[in-house]
Structure formats: C-alpha cells, structure tokens
Amino acid sequence: MANTFPHGTVHEARDDLQAALRSDPKVFVLWESLTPLGRNEFICWVDDAKQPKTRQRRIERACDELLEGNKRPCCWTGCIHRTDKAPSPWQQAVLIDR
C-alpha cells in the first residue's frame, strides 16, 4: 500500500507533519527507519506545540533532526500518553500536574 504512513505507538501524525516528512525522500526514509516509539516521540513533541507557529517550527526541526541522525527529538522528556509504562520521575516532576 503506497499510501500507508508509519505512525507512532500512541499518536498518529497529522496531515501537515506527514506532508513535511514525505516532501523529502531522504527524510521519509529516515522516518520509516525509526521504531514506532521513536516516531511516537516526534509526533507527541510536534503535537504538544500550543501555537501554529511553534508547531511549524517543530515540524521543520523534526526533519532537520532526522537528517542529523537523531532517533528522538532533542530536549524532549518523552511522551506521557503511553500506557505501556509509567511516567519517569523526570516526567512526573516536569510535565504532570499534581
């Protein structure tokens, strides 16, 4: 199926992220080579942006980071939406409201 897109374990990439990743064949091959957890981290990080400008910057940065060889977004504490593991102490301290 030529139109299938590899998503994350919890999150699915929205159309704008998919379009950016598909726009450069090198980037898309790198995206496909990531594990589902790695893709999930990038998608969660992009989706976490509050403003459209920030989301667009993160999409562009995700493409750049893939080209640099990164398997996860730089400076991201990780997806707190996963149900297969408890949030780390770092995530609890930084991201989760008490």
Foldseek 3Di string as FASTA:
>chain_A
DVPDAQAAPPDGADPVLVCLQVVDPVSVVLLVPADSQLRHQLRQVLVPDPDPVSSVVSSVVSSVVSVVVDSHDPPGLGDCPDPPDHRDPVCCVPPDDD
